Amino acid sequence: MKIAIIGFGEAGKMFAEHLAGHAEVHVYDIKQNAEIKAQAKQLGVQFQTNLADAMLDAKFVLSLVTADQASTVAKNAAAYLRPAHYFVEMNSIAPATKQANARYCSNLVDIAIMAPVYPQKAAVPLLIAHPEGKALSQALSELGLNSRYVGPDVGRAAAIKMCRSVMIKGMEALTLECFQTARFYDVENEIKSSLDTSFPGMGWCEDRVDYWFERVATHGLRRAEEMREVAKTVSQAQVKSEMSASVADTFDRFVRKESNNVK
């Protein structure tokens, strides 16, 4: 079996490395420098310099790009999809965005990645929504992936992911605001101790704060794009989305600040 992966970032590399042990894997990315090609070779996958070659005869085409590029990829991939192909839309985008992409890619499979791909790797939970979702979930399980069928309607898996992100990414943004302020007033340890008492088991006195700071510093721009999709999801439910939009802005500001500090 051939599998194509569009997007060779953190998630793309993880899935490529794992799936190389189960199938012939071809990858495509708009970045095409020597370093990324060497990484593909090291992982045992074939890097293709054009999308058509990557997708040729692939049963599954996995889209793993940033939220702002998901629709562009779907439009471009549509020209090369065949009836036997499944376009596996795995990006963190709103249900309506996935449904719009399905109008370009008729056999689009809605998959939501429900946790960071590291450290769980192939064990990361995947939710799948598609009319053939039960059979597709079984096929992904045979490839060593951890998938669960949540319904036949494209957009349902995305809705679960987006609603969860309201909470999780909102907590990340609150943590940034809280602990930047706490560090200014030199009360960080006291705040951690208080939160640990109120919410035991979350690791406030361990690595929770540093972990969320690192994730936003490293992936803040991607997280900001995801939160803009979350805001769309909230608005489409006729709920005010100012908070989710503000989280996106918070991530953007934090990344810019960190970038300036490095300079």
C-alpha atoms as a PDB file:
ATOM      1  CA  MET A   1       0.000   0.000   0.000  1.00  0.00           C
ATOM      2  CA  LYS A   2       1.145   3.527  -0.766  1.00  0.00           C
ATOM      3  CA  ILE A   3       0.436   6.419   1.602  1.00  0.00           C
ATOM      4  CA  ALA A   4       1.061  10.079   0.763  1.00  0.00           C
ATOM      5  CA  ILE A   5       1.704  12.712   3.406  1.00  0.00           C
ATOM      6  CA  ILE A   6       1.328  16.395   2.572  1.00  0.00           C
ATOM      7  CA  GLY A   7       3.217  18.502   5.099  1.00  0.00           C
ATOM      8  CA  PHE A   8       6.458  17.383   6.701  1.00  0.00           C
ATOM      9  CA  GLY A   9       6.407  19.255   9.987  1.00  0.00           C
ATOM     10  CA  GLU A  10       6.280  17.755  13.473  1.00  0.00           C
ATOM     11  CA  ALA A  11       3.130  15.678  12.898  1.00  0.00           C
ATOM     12  CA  GLY A  12       4.052  14.786   9.318  1.00  0.00           C
ATOM     13  CA  LYS A  13       7.435  13.440  10.383  1.00  0.00           C
ATOM     14  CA  MET A  14       5.951  11.366  13.203  1.00  0.00           C
ATOM     15  CA  PHE A  15       3.297   9.742  11.012  1.00  0.00           C
ATOM     16  CA  ALA A  16       5.806   9.228   8.195  1.00  0.00           C
ATOM     17  CA  GLU A  17       8.262   7.466  10.468  1.00  0.00           C
ATOM     18  CA  HIS A  18       5.606   5.206  11.939  1.00  0.00           C
ATOM     19  CA  LEU A  19       3.790   4.393   8.694  1.00  0.00           C
ATOM     20  CA  ALA A  20       7.056   3.574   6.903  1.00  0.00           C
ATOM     21  CA  GLY A  21       7.002   0.319   8.862  1.00  0.00           C
ATOM     22  CA  HIS A  22       3.588  -0.581   7.380  1.00  0.00           C
ATOM     23  CA  ALA A  23       3.460   0.896   3.882  1.00  0.00           C
ATOM     24  CA  GLU A  24       5.315   2.688   1.096  1.00  0.00           C
ATOM     25  CA  VAL A  25       5.297   6.322   2.226  1.00  0.00           C
ATOM     26  CA  HIS A  26       5.813   9.348  -0.017  1.00  0.00           C
ATOM     27  CA  VAL A  27       5.920  12.874   1.397  1.00  0.00           C
ATOM     28  CA  TYR A  28       5.535  16.330  -0.080  1.00  0.00           C
ATOM     29  CA  ASP A  29       6.198  19.730   1.467  1.00  0.00           C
ATOM     30  CA  ILE A  30       6.489  23.226   0.040  1.00  0.00           C
ATOM     31  CA  LYS A  31       9.862  23.412   1.802  1.00  0.00           C
ATOM     32  CA  GLN A  32      12.265  21.485  -0.388  1.00  0.00           C
ATOM     33  CA  ASN A  33      15.748  22.184   0.933  1.00  0.00           C
ATOM     34  CA  ALA A  34      18.518  19.646   1.425  1.00  0.00           C
ATOM     35  CA  GLU A  35      17.825  19.344   5.151  1.00  0.00           C
ATOM     36  CA  ILE A  36      14.192  18.279   4.798  1.00  0.00           C
ATOM     37  CA  LYS A  37      15.074  15.803   2.054  1.00  0.00           C
ATOM     38  CA  ALA A  38      17.780  14.315   4.269  1.00  0.00           C
ATOM     39  CA  GLN A  39      15.257  13.980   7.112  1.00  0.00           C
ATOM     40  CA  ALA A  40      12.882  12.086   4.825  1.00  0.00           C
ATOM     41  CA  LYS A  41      15.647   9.739   3.742  1.00  0.00           C
ATOM     42  CA  GLN A  42      16.648   9.133   7.343  1.00  0.00           C
ATOM     43  CA  LEU A  43      13.055   8.177   8.199  1.00  0.00           C
ATOM     44  CA  GLY A  44      12.886   5.754   5.284  1.00  0.00           C
ATOM     45  CA  VAL A  45      10.328   7.657   3.203  1.00  0.00           C
ATOM     46  CA  GLN A  46      10.438   9.045  -0.323  1.00  0.00           C
ATOM     47  CA  PHE A  47      10.428  12.845  -0.619  1.00  0.00           C
ATOM     48  CA  GLN A  48       8.668  14.099  -3.748  1.00  0.00           C
ATOM     49  CA  THR A  49       9.201  17.573  -5.175  1.00  0.00           C
ATOM     50  CA  ASN A  50       5.724  17.778  -6.681  1.00  0.00           C
ATOM     51  CA  LEU A  51       2.316  16.916  -5.294  1.00  0.00           C
ATOM     52  CA  ALA A  52       1.174  14.753  -8.202  1.00  0.00           C
ATOM     53  CA  ASP A  53       4.051  12.278  -7.766  1.00  0.00           C
ATOM     54  CA  ALA A  54       3.476  12.082  -4.020  1.00  0.00           C
ATOM     55  CA  MET A  55      -0.214  11.283  -4.485  1.00  0.00           C
ATOM     56  CA  LEU A  56       0.075   8.905  -7.464  1.00  0.00           C
ATOM     57  CA  ASP A  57      -1.627   5.591  -6.564  1.00  0.00           C
ATOM     58  CA  ALA A  58      -1.787   6.458  -2.850  1.00  0.00           C
ATOM     59  CA  LYS A  59      -4.745   4.884  -1.044  1.00  0.00           C
ATOM     60  CA  PHE A  60      -4.530   7.400   1.798  1.00  0.00           C
ATOM     61  CA  VAL A  61      -3.469  11.025   1.336  1.00  0.00           C
ATOM     62  CA  LEU A  62      -2.813  12.587   4.745  1.00  0.00           C
ATOM     63  CA  SER A  63      -3.026  16.382   4.957  1.00  0.00           C
ATOM     64  CA  LEU A  64      -0.888  17.588   7.868  1.00  0.00           C
ATOM     65  CA  VAL A  65      -0.265  21.279   7.307  1.00  0.00           C
ATOM     66  CA  THR A  66      -0.970  24.464   9.246  1.00  0.00           C
ATOM     67  CA  ALA A  67      -4.608  25.503   9.626  1.00  0.00           C
ATOM     68  CA  ASP A  68      -4.210  28.485   7.303  1.00  0.00           C
ATOM     69  CA  GLN A  69      -2.950  26.214   4.489  1.00  0.00           C
ATOM     70  CA  ALA A  70      -5.507  23.407   4.834  1.00  0.00           C
ATOM     71  CA  SER A  71      -7.964  24.715   2.234  1.00  0.00           C
ATOM     72  CA  THR A  72      -5.208  25.504  -0.268  1.00  0.00           C
ATOM     73  CA  VAL A  73      -3.897  21.951   0.050  1.00  0.00           C
ATOM     74  CA  ALA A  74      -7.385  20.489  -0.409  1.00  0.00           C
ATOM     75  CA  LYS A  75      -7.937  22.549  -3.562  1.00  0.00           C
ATOM     76  CA  ASN A  76      -4.549  21.575  -5.002  1.00  0.00           C
ATOM     77  CA  ALA A  77      -4.888  17.908  -4.088  1.00  0.00           C
ATOM     78  CA  ALA A  78      -8.351  17.647  -5.648  1.00  0.00           C
ATOM     79  CA  ALA A  79      -6.835  17.700  -9.136  1.00  0.00           C
ATOM     80  CA  TYR A  80      -4.944  14.461  -8.460  1.00  0.00           C
ATOM     81  CA  LEU A  81      -7.445  12.519  -6.367  1.00  0.00           C
ATOM     82  CA  ARG A  82      -8.929   9.348  -7.808  1.00  0.00           C
ATOM     83  CA  PRO A  83     -12.094   7.490  -6.679  1.00  0.00           C
ATOM     84  CA  ALA A  84     -10.040   4.943  -4.728  1.00  0.00           C
ATOM     85  CA  HIS A  85      -8.164   7.676  -2.824  1.00  0.00           C
ATOM     86  CA  TYR A  86      -9.121   8.865   0.638  1.00  0.00           C
ATOM     87  CA  PHE A  87      -8.141  12.450   1.389  1.00  0.00           C
ATOM     88  CA  VAL A  88      -7.494  12.321   5.135  1.00  0.00           C
ATOM     89  CA  GLU A  89      -8.039  15.839   6.478  1.00  0.00           C
ATOM     90  CA  MET A  90      -6.118  15.839   9.800  1.00  0.00           C
ATOM     91  CA  ASN A  91      -5.648  19.569  10.282  1.00  0.00           C
ATOM     92  CA  SER A  92      -6.934  21.581  13.246  1.00  0.00           C
ATOM     93  CA  ILE A  93      -9.695  23.432  11.433  1.00  0.00           C
ATOM     94  CA  ALA A  94     -13.368  24.242  11.973  1.00  0.00           C
ATOM     95  CA  PRO A  95     -16.102  21.757  11.009  1.00  0.00           C
ATOM     96  CA  ALA A  96     -17.317  24.166   8.316  1.00  0.00           C
ATOM     97  CA  THR A  97     -13.793  24.381   6.880  1.00  0.00           C
ATOM     98  CA  LYS A  98     -13.580  20.589   6.638  1.00  0.00           C
ATOM     99  CA  GLN A  99     -17.012  20.486   5.021  1.00  0.00           C
ATOM    100  CA  ALA A 100     -15.924  23.149   2.523  1.00  0.00           C
ATOM    101  CA  ASN A 101     -12.775  21.150   1.764  1.00  0.00           C
ATOM    102  CA  ALA A 102     -14.959  18.085   1.200  1.00  0.00           C
ATOM    103  CA  ARG A 103     -16.577  19.941  -1.686  1.00  0.00           C
ATOM    104  CA  TYR A 104     -13.145  19.936  -3.379  1.00  0.00           C
ATOM    105  CA  CYS A 105     -12.167  16.425  -2.242  1.00  0.00           C
ATOM    106  CA  SER A 106     -15.241  14.231  -2.547  1.00  0.00           C
ATOM    107  CA  ASN A 107     -13.830  11.380  -0.447  1.00  0.00           C
ATOM    108  CA  LEU A 108     -12.592  13.499   2.442  1.00  0.00           C
ATOM    109  CA  VAL A 109     -12.104  11.776   5.799  1.00  0.00           C
ATOM    110  CA  ASP A 110     -12.441  13.992   8.866  1.00  0.00           C
ATOM    111  CA  ILE A 111      -9.782  13.057  11.430  1.00  0.00           C
ATOM    112  CA  ALA A 112      -9.010  15.009  14.587  1.00  0.00           C
ATOM    113  CA  ILE A 113      -5.666  14.565  16.352  1.00  0.00           C
ATOM    114  CA  MET A 114      -6.638  14.871  19.998  1.00  0.00           C
ATOM    115  CA  ALA A 115      -3.248  15.439  21.666  1.00  0.00           C
ATOM    116  CA  PRO A 116       0.297  16.505  20.744  1.00  0.00           C
ATOM    117  CA  VAL A 117       1.952  13.809  18.637  1.00  0.00           C
ATOM    118  CA  TYR A 118       4.919  13.750  21.010  1.00  0.00           C
ATOM    119  CA  PRO A 119       5.497  11.914  23.273  1.00  0.00           C
ATOM    120  CA  GLN A 120       2.600   9.573  22.377  1.00  0.00           C
ATOM    121  CA  LYS A 121       3.592   9.157  18.720  1.00  0.00           C
ATOM    122  CA  ALA A 122       1.432   6.489  17.006  1.00  0.00           C
ATOM    123  CA  ALA A 123      -0.608   6.063  20.195  1.00  0.00           C
ATOM    124  CA  VAL A 124      -1.949   9.616  19.904  1.00  0.00           C
ATOM    125  CA  PRO A 125      -5.784   9.441  19.891  1.00  0.00           C
ATOM    126  CA  LEU A 126      -7.415  10.010  16.504  1.00  0.00           C
ATOM    127  CA  LEU A 127     -11.141  10.610  16.022  1.00  0.00           C
ATOM    128  CA  ILE A 128     -12.616   9.715  12.647  1.00  0.00           C
ATOM    129  CA  ALA A 129     -15.852  10.898  11.017  1.00  0.00           C
ATOM    130  CA  HIS A 130     -16.861   9.564   7.593  1.00  0.00           C
ATOM    131  CA  PRO A 131     -19.706   7.462   6.134  1.00  0.00           C
ATOM    132  CA  GLU A 132     -17.222   4.568   5.904  1.00  0.00           C
ATOM    133  CA  GLY A 133     -15.633   5.536   9.200  1.00  0.00           C
ATOM    134  CA  LYS A 134     -15.932   2.168  10.936  1.00  0.00           C
ATOM    135  CA  ALA A 135     -14.081   0.350   8.156  1.00  0.00           C
ATOM    136  CA  LEU A 136     -11.544   3.167   7.839  1.00  0.00           C
ATOM    137  CA  SER A 137     -10.925   3.119  11.582  1.00  0.00           C
ATOM    138  CA  GLN A 138     -10.196  -0.590  11.349  1.00  0.00           C
ATOM    139  CA  ALA A 139      -7.811   0.031   8.433  1.00  0.00           C
ATOM    140  CA  LEU A 140      -5.952   2.675  10.431  1.00  0.00           C
ATOM    141  CA  SER A 141      -5.763   0.344  13.421  1.00  0.00           C
ATOM    142  CA  GLU A 142      -4.137  -2.261  11.175  1.00  0.00           C
ATOM    143  CA  LEU A 143      -1.549   0.417  10.355  1.00  0.00           C
ATOM    144  CA  GLY A 144      -0.790   0.708  14.060  1.00  0.00           C
ATOM    145  CA  LEU A 145      -2.705   3.944  14.667  1.00  0.00           C
ATOM    146  CA  ASN A 146      -5.058   4.666  17.561  1.00  0.00           C
ATOM    147  CA  SER A 147      -8.320   5.680  15.879  1.00  0.00           C
ATOM    148  CA  ARG A 148     -11.924   5.792  17.082  1.00  0.00           C
ATOM    149  CA  TYR A 149     -15.051   6.225  14.968  1.00  0.00           C
ATOM    150  CA  VAL A 150     -17.302   9.077  16.164  1.00  0.00           C
ATOM    151  CA  GLY A 151     -19.932   9.276  13.442  1.00  0.00           C
ATOM    152  CA  PRO A 152     -20.633   9.397   9.703  1.00  0.00           C
ATOM    153  CA  ASP A 153     -20.805  13.174   9.246  1.00  0.00           C
ATOM    154  CA  VAL A 154     -17.703  15.062   8.132  1.00  0.00           C
ATOM    155  CA  GLY A 155     -17.120  17.830  10.652  1.00  0.00           C
ATOM    156  CA  ARG A 156     -18.084  15.882  13.776  1.00  0.00           C
ATOM    157  CA  ALA A 157     -14.503  14.919  14.657  1.00  0.00           C
ATOM    158  CA  ALA A 158     -13.431  18.504  13.970  1.00  0.00           C
ATOM    159  CA  ALA A 159     -16.166  19.822  16.280  1.00  0.00           C
ATOM    160  CA  ILE A 160     -14.903  17.642  19.143  1.00  0.00           C
ATOM    161  CA  LYS A 161     -11.354  18.857  18.552  1.00  0.00           C
ATOM    162  CA  MET A 162     -12.324  22.525  18.312  1.00  0.00           C
ATOM    163  CA  CYS A 163     -14.504  22.476  21.430  1.00  0.00           C
ATOM    164  CA  ARG A 164     -11.694  20.830  23.371  1.00  0.00           C
ATOM    165  CA  SER A 165      -9.284  23.473  22.135  1.00  0.00           C
ATOM    166  CA  VAL A 166     -11.497  26.227  23.563  1.00  0.00           C
ATOM    167  CA  MET A 167     -10.629  24.800  26.957  1.00  0.00           C
ATOM    168  CA  ILE A 168      -7.055  23.519  26.496  1.00  0.00           C
ATOM    169  CA  LYS A 169      -5.672  26.418  24.463  1.00  0.00           C
ATOM    170  CA  GLY A 170      -7.594  28.831  26.674  1.00  0.00           C
ATOM    171  CA  MET A 171      -5.805  27.356  29.689  1.00  0.00           C
ATOM    172  CA  GLU A 172      -2.477  27.752  27.897  1.00  0.00           C
ATOM    173  CA  ALA A 173      -3.193  31.432  27.238  1.00  0.00           C
ATOM    174  CA  LEU A 174      -4.282  32.004  30.836  1.00  0.00           C
ATOM    175  CA  THR A 175      -1.082  30.311  32.010  1.00  0.00           C
ATOM    176  CA  LEU A 176       1.030  32.642  29.867  1.00  0.00           C
ATOM    177  CA  GLU A 177      -0.734  35.722  31.243  1.00  0.00           C
ATOM    178  CA  CYS A 178      -0.749  34.472  34.829  1.00  0.00           C
ATOM    179  CA  PHE A 179       2.893  33.433  35.082  1.00  0.00           C
ATOM    180  CA  GLN A 180       4.424  36.279  33.109  1.00  0.00           C
ATOM    181  CA  THR A 181       2.696  38.517  35.651  1.00  0.00           C
ATOM    182  CA  ALA A 182       3.655  36.301  38.602  1.00  0.00           C
ATOM    183  CA  ARG A 183       7.313  36.404  37.560  1.00  0.00           C
ATOM    184  CA  PHE A 184       7.233  40.194  37.427  1.00  0.00           C
ATOM    185  CA  TYR A 185       5.992  40.293  41.033  1.00  0.00           C
ATOM    186  CA  ASP A 186       8.244  37.394  42.116  1.00  0.00           C
ATOM    187  CA  VAL A 187       5.315  35.263  43.317  1.00  0.00           C
ATOM    188  CA  GLU A 188       5.572  32.368  40.850  1.00  0.00           C
ATOM    189  CA  ASN A 189       6.153  29.625  43.441  1.00  0.00           C
ATOM    190  CA  GLU A 190       3.270  30.832  45.579  1.00  0.00           C
ATOM    191  CA  ILE A 191       0.919  30.772  42.587  1.00  0.00           C
ATOM    192  CA  LYS A 192       2.044  27.275  41.601  1.00  0.00           C
ATOM    193  CA  SER A 193       1.476  26.022  45.135  1.00  0.00           C
ATOM    194  CA  SER A 194      -1.986  27.564  45.274  1.00  0.00           C
ATOM    195  CA  LEU A 195      -3.007  26.111  41.898  1.00  0.00           C
ATOM    196  CA  ASP A 196      -1.633  22.716  42.885  1.00  0.00           C
ATOM    197  CA  THR A 197      -3.889  22.775  45.957  1.00  0.00           C
ATOM    198  CA  SER A 198      -6.940  23.804  43.944  1.00  0.00           C
ATOM    199  CA  PHE A 199      -6.292  21.517  40.953  1.00  0.00           C
ATOM    200  CA  PRO A 200      -4.202  18.559  42.168  1.00  0.00           C
ATOM    201  CA  GLY A 201      -2.759  16.212  39.594  1.00  0.00           C
ATOM    202  CA  MET A 202      -2.136  18.825  36.894  1.00  0.00           C
ATOM    203  CA  GLY A 203       1.551  19.196  37.721  1.00  0.00           C
ATOM    204  CA  TRP A 204       1.575  22.896  38.579  1.00  0.00           C
ATOM    205  CA  CYS A 205       4.542  22.424  40.946  1.00  0.00           C
ATOM    206  CA  GLU A 206       6.278  20.169  38.422  1.00  0.00           C
ATOM    207  CA  ASP A 207       6.582  20.913  34.714  1.00  0.00           C
ATOM    208  CA  ARG A 208       3.077  22.056  33.642  1.00  0.00           C
ATOM    209  CA  VAL A 209       3.924  25.754  33.362  1.00  0.00           C
ATOM    210  CA  ASP A 210       7.260  25.264  31.614  1.00  0.00           C
ATOM    211  CA  TYR A 211       5.691  22.734  29.234  1.00  0.00           C
ATOM    212  CA  TRP A 212       2.929  25.098  28.120  1.00  0.00           C
ATOM    213  CA  PHE A 213       5.368  28.000  27.769  1.00  0.00           C
ATOM    214  CA  GLU A 214       7.612  25.815  25.579  1.00  0.00           C
ATOM    215  CA  ARG A 215       4.741  24.564  23.420  1.00  0.00           C
ATOM    216  CA  VAL A 216       3.506  28.083  22.710  1.00  0.00           C
ATOM    217  CA  ALA A 217       7.025  29.410  22.126  1.00  0.00           C
ATOM    218  CA  THR A 218       7.698  26.596  19.633  1.00  0.00           C
ATOM    219  CA  HIS A 219       4.272  26.245  18.006  1.00  0.00           C
ATOM    220  CA  GLY A 220       2.540  29.510  18.885  1.00  0.00           C
ATOM    221  CA  LEU A 221       1.878  30.659  15.323  1.00  0.00           C
ATOM    222  CA  ARG A 222       0.323  27.309  14.419  1.00  0.00           C
ATOM    223  CA  ARG A 223      -1.700  27.377  17.644  1.00  0.00           C
ATOM    224  CA  ALA A 224      -2.884  30.907  16.835  1.00  0.00           C
ATOM    225  CA  GLU A 225      -4.165  29.760  13.427  1.00  0.00           C
ATOM    226  CA  GLU A 226      -5.937  26.853  15.109  1.00  0.00           C
ATOM    227  CA  MET A 227      -7.615  29.230  17.548  1.00  0.00           C
ATOM    228  CA  ARG A 228      -8.892  31.356  14.681  1.00  0.00           C
ATOM    229  CA  GLU A 229     -10.552  28.187  13.381  1.00  0.00           C
ATOM    230  CA  VAL A 230     -11.877  27.589  16.896  1.00  0.00           C
ATOM    231  CA  ALA A 231     -13.351  31.104  16.876  1.00  0.00           C
ATOM    232  CA  LYS A 232     -15.113  30.267  13.595  1.00  0.00           C
ATOM    233  CA  THR A 233     -16.485  27.096  15.172  1.00  0.00           C
ATOM    234  CA  VAL A 234     -17.804  29.018  18.177  1.00  0.00           C
ATOM    235  CA  SER A 235     -19.340  31.765  16.018  1.00  0.00           C
ATOM    236  CA  GLN A 236     -21.093  29.203  13.831  1.00  0.00           C
ATOM    237  CA  ALA A 237     -22.753  27.908  17.009  1.00  0.00           C
ATOM    238  CA  GLN A 238     -24.079  31.474  17.533  1.00  0.00           C
ATOM    239  CA  VAL A 239     -21.902  31.865  20.622  1.00  0.00           C
ATOM    240  CA  LYS A 240     -19.700  34.918  21.163  1.00  0.00           C
ATOM    241  CA  SER A 241     -16.125  34.020  20.187  1.00  0.00           C
ATOM    242  CA  GLU A 242     -14.138  36.946  21.569  1.00  0.00           C
ATOM    243  CA  MET A 243     -12.318  34.752  24.068  1.00  0.00           C
ATOM    244  CA  SER A 244     -11.044  32.270  21.470  1.00  0.00           C
ATOM    245  CA  ALA A 245     -10.020  35.134  19.177  1.00  0.00           C
ATOM    246  CA  SER A 246      -8.173  36.732  22.088  1.00  0.00           C
ATOM    247  CA  VAL A 247      -6.303  33.475  22.726  1.00  0.00           C
ATOM    248  CA  ALA A 248      -5.064  33.581  19.122  1.00  0.00           C
ATOM    249  CA  ASP A 249      -3.835  37.138  19.635  1.00  0.00           C
ATOM    250  CA  THR A 250      -2.180  36.147  22.925  1.00  0.00           C
ATOM    251  CA  PHE A 251      -0.204  33.402  21.193  1.00  0.00           C
ATOM    252  CA  ASP A 252       0.848  35.759  18.401  1.00  0.00           C
ATOM    253  CA  ARG A 253       2.075  38.384  20.877  1.00  0.00           C
ATOM    254  CA  PHE A 254       3.971  35.823  22.948  1.00  0.00           C
ATOM    255  CA  VAL A 255       5.794  34.437  19.896  1.00  0.00           C
ATOM    256  CA  ARG A 256       6.739  37.941  18.745  1.00  0.00           C
ATOM    257  CA  LYS A 257       8.032  38.768  22.245  1.00  0.00           C
ATOM    258  CA  GLU A 258      10.077  35.569  22.409  1.00  0.00           C
ATOM    259  CA  SER A 259      11.479  36.226  18.945  1.00  0.00           C
ATOM    260  CA  ASN A 260      12.542  39.734  19.961  1.00  0.00           C
ATOM    261  CA  ASN A 261      14.156  38.388  23.147  1.00  0.00           C
ATOM    262  CA  VAL A 262      16.235  35.947  21.099  1.00  0.00           C
ATOM    263  CA  LYS A 263      17.439  38.784  18.879  1.00  0.00           C
END
